[in-house]
Amino acid sequence: MLRTALVAVSFTLLSACSAGQVSMQQNSMDVEIGSNPPTGEYKNLGPISAKHGGGCGLFGAQGNFEGAMTILRNKAASRGADYVQIIKQEGEHMSGLCLDRAYIVDGFAFKSM
């Protein structure tokens, strides 16, 4: 009986430890992503950032690259951008005494002219 209860509690805790899956919006599929500035005539729409997951240690939700990139594409598309230049990516990191479980992507959004 005790063993069953421990397994149920462990499963519940482990299933709550990852951030939810993010759905890509239809117009987000057209947003290109790269590490270099776009070639051609583009207007810089400014900085853009996406964060997937977060929180401290066991009390947080594990973020991942795919989730952060989907959020980034969705944000870029909602701003009218069709290209994002990635300038920084950060996975799990220490924030004071806490292991922040977020995955963060920063960049610049561009729109072709």
PDB file of N, CA and C in Angstrom:
ATOM      1  N   MET A   1       0.818  -1.194   0.000  1.00  0.00           N
ATOM      2  CA  MET A   1       0.000   0.000   0.000  1.00  0.00           C
ATOM      3  C   MET A   1       0.861   1.258   0.000  1.00  0.00           C
ATOM      4  N   LEU A   2       1.846   1.279   0.898  1.00  0.00           N
ATOM      5  CA  LEU A   2       2.736   2.430   0.983  1.00  0.00           C
ATOM      6  C   LEU A   2       3.540   2.594  -0.304  1.00  0.00           C
ATOM      7  N   ARG A   3       3.971   1.474  -0.859  1.00  0.00           N
ATOM      8  CA  ARG A   3       4.750   1.508  -2.102  1.00  0.00           C
ATOM      9  C   ARG A   3       3.911   2.105  -3.237  1.00  0.00           C
ATOM     10  N   THR A   4       2.647   1.718  -3.335  1.00  0.00           N
ATOM     11  CA  THR A   4       1.758   2.244  -4.371  1.00  0.00           C
ATOM     12  C   THR A   4       1.567   3.745  -4.214  1.00  0.00           C
ATOM     13  N   ALA A   5       1.405   4.193  -2.982  1.00  0.00           N
ATOM     14  CA  ALA A   5       1.239   5.621  -2.721  1.00  0.00           C
ATOM     15  C   ALA A   5       2.495   6.389  -3.109  1.00  0.00           C
ATOM     16  N   LEU A   6       3.669   5.845  -2.804  1.00  0.00           N
ATOM     17  CA  LEU A   6       4.929   6.514  -3.165  1.00  0.00           C
ATOM     18  C   LEU A   6       5.092   6.601  -4.675  1.00  0.00           C
ATOM     19  N   VAL A   7       4.738   5.541  -5.371  1.00  0.00           N
ATOM     20  CA  VAL A   7       4.840   5.552  -6.834  1.00  0.00           C
ATOM     21  C   VAL A   7       3.887   6.597  -7.413  1.00  0.00           C
ATOM     22  N   ALA A   8       2.667   6.671  -6.895  1.00  0.00           N
ATOM     23  CA  ALA A   8       1.690   7.645  -7.387  1.00  0.00           C
ATOM     24  C   ALA A   8       2.157   9.077  -7.142  1.00  0.00           C
ATOM     25  N   VAL A   9       2.700   9.352  -5.968  1.00  0.00           N
ATOM     26  CA  VAL A   9       3.200  10.690  -5.647  1.00  0.00           C
ATOM     27  C   VAL A   9       4.396  11.034  -6.527  1.00  0.00           C
ATOM     28  N   SER A  10       5.317  10.081  -6.712  1.00  0.00           N
ATOM     29  CA  SER A  10       6.496  10.313  -7.560  1.00  0.00           C
ATOM     30  C   SER A  10       6.082  10.614  -8.992  1.00  0.00           C
ATOM     31  N   PHE A  11       5.138   9.862  -9.518  1.00  0.00           N
ATOM     32  CA  PHE A  11       4.672  10.086 -10.887  1.00  0.00           C
ATOM     33  C   PHE A  11       4.047  11.473 -11.027  1.00  0.00           C
ATOM     34  N   THR A  12       3.255  11.863 -10.051  1.00  0.00           N
ATOM     35  CA  THR A  12       2.623  13.178 -10.079  1.00  0.00           C
ATOM     36  C   THR A  12       3.660  14.291 -10.058  1.00  0.00           C
ATOM     37  N   LEU A  13       4.660  14.159  -9.216  1.00  0.00           N
ATOM     38  CA  LEU A  13       5.710  15.181  -9.134  1.00  0.00           C
ATOM     39  C   LEU A  13       6.520  15.250 -10.413  1.00  0.00           C
ATOM     40  N   LEU A  14       6.860  14.106 -10.982  1.00  0.00           N
ATOM     41  CA  LEU A  14       7.659  14.093 -12.199  1.00  0.00           C
ATOM     42  C   LEU A  14       6.882  14.624 -13.398  1.00  0.00           C
ATOM     43  N   SER A  15       5.599  14.333 -13.467  1.00  0.00           N
ATOM     44  CA  SER A  15       4.821  14.809 -14.614  1.00  0.00           C
ATOM     45  C   SER A  15       4.593  16.312 -14.561  1.00  0.00           C
ATOM     46  N   ALA A  16       4.701  16.914 -13.407  1.00  0.00           N
ATOM     47  CA  ALA A  16       4.499  18.360 -13.267  1.00  0.00           C
ATOM     48  C   ALA A  16       5.786  19.146 -13.455  1.00  0.00           C
ATOM     49  N   CYS A  17       6.873  18.476 -13.792  1.00  0.00           N
ATOM     50  CA  CYS A  17       8.184  19.121 -13.847  1.00  0.00           C
ATOM     51  C   CYS A  17       8.567  19.650 -15.214  1.00  0.00           C
ATOM     52  N   SER A  18       7.764  19.470 -16.232  1.00  0.00           N
ATOM     53  CA  SER A  18       8.145  19.997 -17.536  1.00  0.00           C
ATOM     54  C   SER A  18       7.099  20.991 -18.025  1.00  0.00           C
ATOM     55  N   ALA A  19       7.570  21.984 -18.764  1.00  0.00           N
ATOM     56  CA  ALA A  19       6.674  23.009 -19.298  1.00  0.00           C
ATOM     57  C   ALA A  19       5.793  22.390 -20.373  1.00  0.00           C
ATOM     58  N   GLY A  20       4.635  22.931 -20.555  1.00  0.00           N
ATOM     59  CA  GLY A  20       3.697  22.402 -21.542  1.00  0.00           C
ATOM     60  C   GLY A  20       4.176  22.609 -22.965  1.00  0.00           C
ATOM     61  N   GLN A  21       3.598  21.826 -23.860  1.00  0.00           N
ATOM     62  CA  GLN A  21       3.926  21.948 -25.268  1.00  0.00           C
ATOM     63  C   GLN A  21       3.260  23.197 -25.831  1.00  0.00           C
ATOM     64  N   VAL A  22       3.960  23.904 -26.700  1.00  0.00           N
ATOM     65  CA  VAL A  22       3.471  25.146 -27.288  1.00  0.00           C
ATOM     66  C   VAL A  22       3.045  24.868 -28.722  1.00  0.00           C
ATOM     67  N   SER A  23       1.859  25.337 -29.088  1.00  0.00           N
ATOM     68  CA  SER A  23       1.365  25.153 -30.453  1.00  0.00           C
ATOM     69  C   SER A  23       1.837  26.291 -31.341  1.00  0.00           C
ATOM     70  N   MET A  24       2.270  25.927 -32.547  1.00  0.00           N
ATOM     71  CA  MET A  24       2.700  26.947 -33.502  1.00  0.00           C
ATOM     72  C   MET A  24       1.480  27.479 -34.242  1.00  0.00           C
ATOM     73  N   GLN A  25       1.378  28.806 -34.300  1.00  0.00           N
ATOM     74  CA  GLN A  25       0.291  29.435 -35.036  1.00  0.00           C
ATOM     75  C   GLN A  25       0.548  29.295 -36.531  1.00  0.00           C
ATOM     76  N   GLN A  26      -0.506  29.321 -37.315  1.00  0.00           N
ATOM     77  CA  GLN A  26      -0.404  29.101 -38.756  1.00  0.00           C
ATOM     78  C   GLN A  26       0.601  30.035 -39.422  1.00  0.00           C
ATOM     79  N   ASN A  27       0.514  31.341 -39.154  1.00  0.00           N
ATOM     80  CA  ASN A  27       1.406  32.301 -39.815  1.00  0.00           C
ATOM     81  C   ASN A  27       2.827  32.257 -39.274  1.00  0.00           C
ATOM     82  N   SER A  28       3.067  31.555 -38.183  1.00  0.00           N
ATOM     83  CA  SER A  28       4.405  31.466 -37.590  1.00  0.00           C
ATOM     84  C   SER A  28       5.339  30.578 -38.399  1.00  0.00           C
ATOM     85  N   MET A  29       4.766  29.694 -39.201  1.00  0.00           N
ATOM     86  CA  MET A  29       5.588  28.765 -39.979  1.00  0.00           C
ATOM     87  C   MET A  29       6.423  29.480 -41.039  1.00  0.00           C
ATOM     88  N   ASP A  30       6.017  30.701 -41.403  1.00  0.00           N
ATOM     89  CA  ASP A  30       6.724  31.463 -42.437  1.00  0.00           C
ATOM     90  C   ASP A  30       7.890  32.276 -41.872  1.00  0.00           C
ATOM     91  N   VAL A  31       8.045  32.323 -40.559  1.00  0.00           N
ATOM     92  CA  VAL A  31       9.119  33.105 -39.935  1.00  0.00           C
ATOM     93  C   VAL A  31      10.424  32.308 -40.018  1.00  0.00           C
ATOM     94  N   GLU A  32      11.421  32.906 -40.673  1.00  0.00           N
ATOM     95  CA  GLU A  32      12.737  32.279 -40.758  1.00  0.00           C
ATOM     96  C   GLU A  32      13.573  32.691 -39.553  1.00  0.00           C
ATOM     97  N   ILE A  33      14.476  31.795 -39.139  1.00  0.00           N
ATOM     98  CA  ILE A  33      15.333  32.064 -37.986  1.00  0.00           C
ATOM     99  C   ILE A  33      16.772  31.794 -38.397  1.00  0.00           C
ATOM    100  N   GLY A  34      17.672  32.681 -37.984  1.00  0.00           N
ATOM    101  CA  GLY A  34      19.086  32.491 -38.271  1.00  0.00           C
ATOM    102  C   GLY A  34      19.951  33.231 -37.273  1.00  0.00           C
ATOM    103  N   SER A  35      21.247  32.985 -37.358  1.00  0.00           N
ATOM    104  CA  SER A  35      22.172  33.654 -36.436  1.00  0.00           C
ATOM    105  C   SER A  35      22.810  34.897 -37.057  1.00  0.00           C
ATOM    106  N   ASN A  36      22.642  35.085 -38.346  1.00  0.00           N
ATOM    107  CA  ASN A  36      23.188  36.254 -39.039  1.00  0.00           C
ATOM    108  C   ASN A  36      22.079  37.245 -39.354  1.00  0.00           C
ATOM    109  N   PRO A  37      22.430  38.511 -39.571  1.00  0.00           N
ATOM    110  CA  PRO A  37      21.416  39.480 -40.002  1.00  0.00           C
ATOM    111  C   PRO A  37      20.853  39.052 -41.357  1.00  0.00           C
ATOM    112  N   PRO A  38      19.614  39.408 -41.661  1.00  0.00           N
ATOM    113  CA  PRO A  38      19.048  39.019 -42.954  1.00  0.00           C
ATOM    114  C   PRO A  38      19.730  39.760 -44.095  1.00  0.00           C
ATOM    115  N   THR A  39      19.755  39.125 -45.260  1.00  0.00           N
ATOM    116  CA  THR A  39      20.306  39.780 -46.448  1.00  0.00           C
ATOM    117  C   THR A  39      19.148  40.363 -47.249  1.00  0.00           C
ATOM    118  N   GLY A  40      19.383  41.479 -47.874  1.00  0.00           N
ATOM    119  CA  GLY A  40      18.328  42.156 -48.623  1.00  0.00           C
ATOM    120  C   GLY A  40      17.799  43.329 -47.827  1.00  0.00           C
ATOM    121  N   GLU A  41      16.659  43.839 -48.263  1.00  0.00           N
ATOM    122  CA  GLU A  41      16.059  44.996 -47.596  1.00  0.00           C
ATOM    123  C   GLU A  41      15.082  44.541 -46.525  1.00  0.00           C
ATOM    124  N   TYR A  42      15.466  44.795 -45.288  1.00  0.00           N
ATOM    125  CA  TYR A  42      14.630  44.450 -44.132  1.00  0.00           C
ATOM    126  C   TYR A  42      14.564  45.631 -43.182  1.00  0.00           C
ATOM    127  N   LYS A  43      13.443  45.754 -42.515  1.00  0.00           N
ATOM    128  CA  LYS A  43      13.277  46.767 -41.477  1.00  0.00           C
ATOM    129  C   LYS A  43      13.430  46.075 -40.132  1.00  0.00           C
ATOM    130  N   ASN A  44      14.274  46.641 -39.272  1.00  0.00           N
ATOM    131  CA  ASN A  44      14.470  46.094 -37.928  1.00  0.00           C
ATOM    132  C   ASN A  44      13.282  46.508 -37.062  1.00  0.00           C
ATOM    133  N   LEU A  45      12.542  45.528 -36.538  1.00  0.00           N
ATOM    134  CA  LEU A  45      11.387  45.796 -35.689  1.00  0.00           C
ATOM    135  C   LEU A  45      11.753  45.844 -34.209  1.00  0.00           C
ATOM    136  N   GLY A  46      13.013  45.599 -33.899  1.00  0.00           N
ATOM    137  CA  GLY A  46      13.469  45.681 -32.515  1.00  0.00           C
ATOM    138  C   GLY A  46      13.708  44.335 -31.862  1.00  0.00           C
ATOM    139  N   PRO A  47      14.074  44.380 -30.596  1.00  0.00           N
ATOM    140  CA  PRO A  47      14.397  43.146 -29.876  1.00  0.00           C
ATOM    141  C   PRO A  47      13.159  42.276 -29.642  1.00  0.00           C
ATOM    142  N   ILE A  48      13.413  40.992 -29.552  1.00  0.00           N
ATOM    143  CA  ILE A  48      12.355  40.018 -29.287  1.00  0.00           C
ATOM    144  C   ILE A  48      12.942  38.929 -28.390  1.00  0.00           C
ATOM    145  N   SER A  49      12.137  38.420 -27.489  1.00  0.00           N
ATOM    146  CA  SER A  49      12.614  37.413 -26.542  1.00  0.00           C
ATOM    147  C   SER A  49      11.529  36.380 -26.296  1.00  0.00           C
ATOM    148  N   ALA A  50      11.935  35.149 -26.050  1.00  0.00           N
ATOM    149  CA  ALA A  50      10.988  34.079 -25.741  1.00  0.00           C
ATOM    150  C   ALA A  50      11.536  33.253 -24.591  1.00  0.00           C
ATOM    151  N   LYS A  51      10.632  32.837 -23.716  1.00  0.00           N
ATOM    152  CA  LYS A  51      11.014  32.042 -22.552  1.00  0.00           C
ATOM    153  C   LYS A  51      10.065  30.860 -22.437  1.00  0.00           C
ATOM    154  N   HIS A  52      10.623  29.665 -22.330  1.00  0.00           N
ATOM    155  CA  HIS A  52       9.819  28.457 -22.161  1.00  0.00           C
ATOM    156  C   HIS A  52      10.237  27.793 -20.859  1.00  0.00           C
ATOM    157  N   GLY A  53       9.284  27.535 -20.002  1.00  0.00           N
ATOM    158  CA  GLY A  53       9.572  26.950 -18.697  1.00  0.00           C
ATOM    159  C   GLY A  53       9.988  28.021 -17.711  1.00  0.00           C
ATOM    160  N   GLY A  54      10.504  27.588 -16.578  1.00  0.00           N
ATOM    161  CA  GLY A  54      10.981  28.518 -15.571  1.00  0.00           C
ATOM    162  C   GLY A  54      10.627  28.056 -14.180  1.00  0.00           C
ATOM    163  N   GLY A  55      11.128  28.769 -13.221  1.00  0.00           N
ATOM    164  CA  GLY A  55      10.888  28.418 -11.829  1.00  0.00           C
ATOM    165  C   GLY A  55      12.145  27.850 -11.202  1.00  0.00           C
ATOM    166  N   CYS A  56      12.100  27.659  -9.925  1.00  0.00           N
ATOM    167  CA  CYS A  56      13.270  27.265  -9.153  1.00  0.00           C
ATOM    168  C   CYS A  56      13.289  25.758  -8.879  1.00  0.00           C
ATOM    169  N   GLY A  57      14.322  25.088  -9.398  1.00  0.00           N
ATOM    170  CA  GLY A  57      14.545  23.673  -9.097  1.00  0.00           C
ATOM    171  C   GLY A  57      13.320  22.803  -9.292  1.00  0.00           C
ATOM    172  N   LEU A  58      12.986  22.001  -8.269  1.00  0.00           N
ATOM    173  CA  LEU A  58      11.848  21.086  -8.347  1.00  0.00           C
ATOM    174  C   LEU A  58      10.506  21.807  -8.416  1.00  0.00           C
ATOM    175  N   PHE A  59      10.487  23.082  -8.068  1.00  0.00           N
ATOM    176  CA  PHE A  59       9.245  23.841  -8.080  1.00  0.00           C
ATOM    177  C   PHE A  59       9.017  24.539  -9.412  1.00  0.00           C
ATOM    178  N   GLY A  60       9.879  24.282 -10.376  1.00  0.00           N
ATOM    179  CA  GLY A  60       9.747  24.919 -11.675  1.00  0.00           C
ATOM    180  C   GLY A  60       9.354  23.936 -12.748  1.00  0.00           C
ATOM    181  N   ALA A  61       9.187  24.445 -13.946  1.00  0.00           N
ATOM    182  CA  ALA A  61       8.856  23.632 -15.113  1.00  0.00           C
ATOM    183  C   ALA A  61      10.029  23.688 -16.082  1.00  0.00           C
ATOM    184  N   GLN A  62      10.524  22.532 -16.490  1.00  0.00           N
ATOM    185  CA  GLN A  62      11.677  22.430 -17.382  1.00  0.00           C
ATOM    186  C   GLN A  62      11.335  22.973 -18.759  1.00  0.00           C
ATOM    187  N   GLY A  63      12.043  24.006 -19.201  1.00  0.00           N
ATOM    188  CA  GLY A  63      11.869  24.531 -20.545  1.00  0.00           C
ATOM    189  C   GLY A  63      12.752  23.782 -21.524  1.00  0.00           C
ATOM    190  N   ASN A  64      12.502  23.979 -22.830  1.00  0.00           N
ATOM    191  CA  ASN A  64      13.359  23.357 -23.836  1.00  0.00           C
ATOM    192  C   ASN A  64      13.482  24.266 -25.064  1.00  0.00           C
ATOM    193  N   PHE A  65      14.443  23.927 -25.908  1.00  0.00           N
ATOM    194  CA  PHE A  65      14.750  24.715 -27.100  1.00  0.00           C
ATOM    195  C   PHE A  65      13.544  24.803 -28.035  1.00  0.00           C
ATOM    196  N   GLU A  66      12.878  23.678 -28.291  1.00  0.00           N
ATOM    197  CA  GLU A  66      11.754  23.659 -29.225  1.00  0.00           C
ATOM    198  C   GLU A  66      10.626  24.571 -28.750  1.00  0.00           C
ATOM    199  N   GLY A  67      10.317  24.520 -27.460  1.00  0.00           N
ATOM    200  CA  GLY A  67       9.258  25.367 -26.914  1.00  0.00           C
ATOM    201  C   GLY A  67       9.598  26.840 -27.041  1.00  0.00           C
ATOM    202  N   ALA A  68      10.845  27.194 -26.713  1.00  0.00           N
ATOM    203  CA  ALA A  68      11.272  28.594 -26.802  1.00  0.00           C
ATOM    204  C   ALA A  68      11.245  29.086 -28.251  1.00  0.00           C
ATOM    205  N   MET A  69      11.666  28.242 -29.179  1.00  0.00           N
ATOM    206  CA  MET A  69      11.668  28.649 -30.587  1.00  0.00           C
ATOM    207  C   MET A  69      10.247  28.812 -31.124  1.00  0.00           C
ATOM    208  N   THR A  70       9.329  27.967 -30.698  1.00  0.00           N
ATOM    209  CA  THR A  70       7.936  28.097 -31.132  1.00  0.00           C
ATOM    210  C   THR A  70       7.335  29.385 -30.588  1.00  0.00           C
ATOM    211  N   ILE A  71       7.598  29.686 -29.331  1.00  0.00           N
ATOM    212  CA  ILE A  71       7.119  30.944 -28.742  1.00  0.00           C
ATOM    213  C   ILE A  71       7.716  32.133 -29.490  1.00  0.00           C
ATOM    214  N   LEU A  72       9.009  32.051 -29.811  1.00  0.00           N
ATOM    215  CA  LEU A  72       9.682  33.122 -30.549  1.00  0.00           C
ATOM    216  C   LEU A  72       9.031  33.338 -31.919  1.00  0.00           C
ATOM    217  N   ARG A  73       8.786  32.256 -32.643  1.00  0.00           N
ATOM    218  CA  ARG A  73       8.144  32.366 -33.964  1.00  0.00           C
ATOM    219  C   ARG A  73       6.740  32.971 -33.842  1.00  0.00           C
ATOM    220  N   ASN A  74       5.979  32.528 -32.844  1.00  0.00           N
ATOM    221  CA  ASN A  74       4.627  33.065 -32.646  1.00  0.00           C
ATOM    222  C   ASN A  74       4.660  34.564 -32.353  1.00  0.00           C
ATOM    223  N   LYS A  75       5.586  34.984 -31.478  1.00  0.00           N
ATOM    224  CA  LYS A  75       5.712  36.416 -31.157  1.00  0.00           C
ATOM    225  C   LYS A  75       6.126  37.211 -32.386  1.00  0.00           C
ATOM    226  N   ALA A  76       7.094  36.682 -33.135  1.00  0.00           N
ATOM    227  CA  ALA A  76       7.578  37.388 -34.330  1.00  0.00           C
ATOM    228  C   ALA A  76       6.459  37.545 -35.352  1.00  0.00           C
ATOM    229  N   ALA A  77       5.709  36.499 -35.586  1.00  0.00           N
ATOM    230  CA  ALA A  77       4.613  36.564 -36.556  1.00  0.00           C
ATOM    231  C   ALA A  77       3.545  37.556 -36.111  1.00  0.00           C
ATOM    232  N   SER A  78       3.262  37.606 -34.823  1.00  0.00           N
ATOM    233  CA  SER A  78       2.242  38.551 -34.336  1.00  0.00           C
ATOM    234  C   SER A  78       2.696  39.995 -34.476  1.00  0.00           C
ATOM    235  N   ARG A  79       4.010  40.216 -34.558  1.00  0.00           N
ATOM    236  CA  ARG A  79       4.541  41.570 -34.764  1.00  0.00           C
ATOM    237  C   ARG A  79       4.738  41.890 -36.243  1.00  0.00           C
ATOM    238  N   GLY A  80       4.435  40.936 -37.114  1.00  0.00           N
ATOM    239  CA  GLY A  80       4.585  41.164 -38.544  1.00  0.00           C
ATOM    240  C   GLY A  80       5.965  40.847 -39.075  1.00  0.00           C
ATOM    241  N   ALA A  81       6.803  40.222 -38.271  1.00  0.00           N
ATOM    242  CA  ALA A  81       8.171  39.890 -38.693  1.00  0.00           C
ATOM    243  C   ALA A  81       8.169  38.626 -39.548  1.00  0.00           C
ATOM    244  N   ASP A  82       9.159  38.539 -40.438  1.00  0.00           N
ATOM    245  CA  ASP A  82       9.326  37.307 -41.201  1.00  0.00           C
ATOM    246  C   ASP A  82      10.749  36.750 -41.084  1.00  0.00           C
ATOM    247  N   TYR A  83      11.573  37.384 -40.242  1.00  0.00           N
ATOM    248  CA  TYR A  83      12.917  36.872 -39.964  1.00  0.00           C
ATOM    249  C   TYR A  83      13.308  37.269 -38.540  1.00  0.00           C
ATOM    250  N   VAL A  84      13.979  36.353 -37.842  1.00  0.00           N
ATOM    251  CA  VAL A  84      14.511  36.644 -36.512  1.00  0.00           C
ATOM    252  C   VAL A  84      15.982  36.251 -36.487  1.00  0.00           C
ATOM    253  N   GLN A  85      16.809  37.220 -36.086  1.00  0.00           N
ATOM    254  CA  GLN A  85      18.232  36.956 -35.895  1.00  0.00           C
ATOM    255  C   GLN A  85      18.436  36.618 -34.415  1.00  0.00           C
ATOM    256  N   ILE A  86      18.901  35.408 -34.132  1.00  0.00           N
ATOM    257  CA  ILE A  86      19.153  34.976 -32.760  1.00  0.00           C
ATOM    258  C   ILE A  86      20.486  35.563 -32.299  1.00  0.00           C
ATOM    259  N   ILE A  87      20.478  36.213 -31.141  1.00  0.00           N
ATOM    260  CA  ILE A  87      21.725  36.753 -30.604  1.00  0.00           C
ATOM    261  C   ILE A  87      22.159  36.059 -29.312  1.00  0.00           C
ATOM    262  N   LYS A  88      21.221  35.352 -28.660  1.00  0.00           N
ATOM    263  CA  LYS A  88      21.575  34.686 -27.406  1.00  0.00           C
ATOM    264  C   LYS A  88      20.588  33.558 -27.112  1.00  0.00           C
ATOM    265  N   GLN A  89      21.124  32.435 -26.633  1.00  0.00           N
ATOM    266  CA  GLN A  89      20.308  31.321 -26.168  1.00  0.00           C
ATOM    267  C   GLN A  89      20.823  30.929 -24.792  1.00  0.00           C
ATOM    268  N   GLU A  90      19.914  30.652 -23.888  1.00  0.00           N
ATOM    269  CA  GLU A  90      20.329  30.276 -22.541  1.00  0.00           C
ATOM    270  C   GLU A  90      19.412  29.175 -22.022  1.00  0.00           C
ATOM    271  N   GLY A  91      20.013  28.060 -21.617  1.00  0.00           N
ATOM    272  CA  GLY A  91      19.256  26.962 -21.028  1.00  0.00           C
ATOM    273  C   GLY A  91      19.206  27.129 -19.520  1.00  0.00           C
ATOM    274  N   GLU A  92      19.062  26.022 -18.812  1.00  0.00           N
ATOM    275  CA  GLU A  92      19.061  26.074 -17.348  1.00  0.00           C
ATOM    276  C   GLU A  92      20.262  26.863 -16.857  1.00  0.00           C
ATOM    277  N   HIS A  93      20.039  27.687 -15.832  1.00  0.00           N
ATOM    278  CA  HIS A  93      21.145  28.495 -15.315  1.00  0.00           C
ATOM    279  C   HIS A  93      20.883  28.832 -13.853  1.00  0.00           C
ATOM    280  N   MET A  94      21.954  29.094 -13.161  1.00  0.00           N
ATOM    281  CA  MET A  94      21.831  29.480 -11.758  1.00  0.00           C
ATOM    282  C   MET A  94      21.431  30.952 -11.679  1.00  0.00           C
ATOM    283  N   SER A  95      20.477  31.227 -10.822  1.00  0.00           N
ATOM    284  CA  SER A  95      20.038  32.586 -10.547  1.00  0.00           C
ATOM    285  C   SER A  95      20.049  32.728  -9.026  1.00  0.00           C
ATOM    286  N   GLY A  96      21.145  33.259  -8.513  1.00  0.00           N
ATOM    287  CA  GLY A  96      21.334  33.263  -7.056  1.00  0.00           C
ATOM    288  C   GLY A  96      21.547  31.841  -6.580  1.00  0.00           C
ATOM    289  N   LEU A  97      20.744  31.396  -5.650  1.00  0.00           N
ATOM    290  CA  LEU A  97      20.833  30.023  -5.141  1.00  0.00           C
ATOM    291  C   LEU A  97      19.851  29.084  -5.830  1.00  0.00           C
ATOM    292  N   CYS A  98      19.203  29.558  -6.856  1.00  0.00           N
ATOM    293  CA  CYS A  98      18.148  28.803  -7.525  1.00  0.00           C
ATOM    294  C   CYS A  98      18.591  28.354  -8.916  1.00  0.00           C
ATOM    295  N   LEU A  99      18.258  27.119  -9.276  1.00  0.00           N
ATOM    296  CA  LEU A  99      18.459  26.647 -10.640  1.00  0.00           C
ATOM    297  C   LEU A  99      17.213  27.008 -11.446  1.00  0.00           C
ATOM    298  N   ASP A 100      17.321  28.058 -12.266  1.00  0.00           N
ATOM    299  CA  ASP A 100      16.202  28.490 -13.100  1.00  0.00           C
ATOM    300  C   ASP A 100      16.092  27.519 -14.262  1.00  0.00           C
ATOM    301  N   ARG A 101      14.945  26.914 -14.441  1.00  0.00           N
ATOM    302  CA  ARG A 101      14.764  25.844 -15.415  1.00  0.00           C
ATOM    303  C   ARG A 101      14.249  26.336 -16.768  1.00  0.00           C
ATOM    304  N   ALA A 102      14.306  27.641 -16.988  1.00  0.00           N
ATOM    305  CA  ALA A 102      13.802  28.222 -18.235  1.00  0.00           C
ATOM    306  C   ALA A 102      14.807  28.057 -19.373  1.00  0.00           C
ATOM    307  N   TYR A 103      14.288  28.022 -20.594  1.00  0.00           N
ATOM    308  CA  TYR A 103      15.089  28.128 -21.804  1.00  0.00           C
ATOM    309  C   TYR A 103      14.701  29.451 -22.439  1.00  0.00           C
ATOM    310  N   ILE A 104      15.691  30.310 -22.660  1.00  0.00           N
ATOM    311  CA  ILE A 104      15.434  31.672 -23.141  1.00  0.00           C
ATOM    312  C   ILE A 104      16.164  31.901 -24.467  1.00  0.00           C
ATOM    313  N   VAL A 105      15.478  32.523 -25.407  1.00  0.00           N
ATOM    314  CA  VAL A 105      16.073  32.878 -26.701  1.00  0.00           C
ATOM    315  C   VAL A 105      15.828  34.366 -26.916  1.00  0.00           C
ATOM    316  N   ASP A 106      16.901  35.112 -27.223  1.00  0.00           N
ATOM    317  CA  ASP A 106      16.816  36.551 -27.493  1.00  0.00           C
ATOM    318  C   ASP A 106      17.284  36.830 -28.917  1.00  0.00           C
ATOM    319  N   GLY A 107      16.689  37.827 -29.541  1.00  0.00           N
ATOM    320  CA  GLY A 107      17.093  38.176 -30.884  1.00  0.00           C
ATOM    321  C   GLY A 107      16.497  39.495 -31.341  1.00  0.00           C
ATOM    322  N   PHE A 108      16.580  39.723 -32.638  1.00  0.00           N
ATOM    323  CA  PHE A 108      15.995  40.907 -33.273  1.00  0.00           C
ATOM    324  C   PHE A 108      15.023  40.439 -34.346  1.00  0.00           C
ATOM    325  N   ALA A 109      13.867  41.079 -34.382  1.00  0.00           N
ATOM    326  CA  ALA A 109      12.851  40.752 -35.379  1.00  0.00           C
ATOM    327  C   ALA A 109      12.992  41.688 -36.573  1.00  0.00           C
ATOM    328  N   PHE A 110      12.809  41.146 -37.774  1.00  0.00           N
ATOM    329  CA  PHE A 110      12.920  41.915 -39.013  1.00  0.00           C
ATOM    330  C   PHE A 110      11.717  41.629 -39.901  1.00  0.00           C
ATOM    331  N   LYS A 111      11.369  42.645 -40.717  1.00  0.00           N
ATOM    332  CA  LYS A 111      10.320  42.487 -41.716  1.00  0.00           C
ATOM    333  C   LYS A 111      10.896  42.876 -43.079  1.00  0.00           C
ATOM    334  N   SER A 112      10.654  42.027 -44.074  1.00  0.00           N
ATOM    335  CA  SER A 112      11.173  42.343 -45.415  1.00  0.00           C
ATOM    336  C   SER A 112      10.401  43.517 -46.000  1.00  0.00           C
ATOM    337  N   MET A 113      11.119  44.324 -46.764  1.00  0.00           N
ATOM    338  CA  MET A 113      10.527  45.533 -47.368  1.00  0.00           C
ATOM    339  C   MET A 113      10.095  45.238 -48.796  1.00  0.00           C
TER     340      MET A 113
END
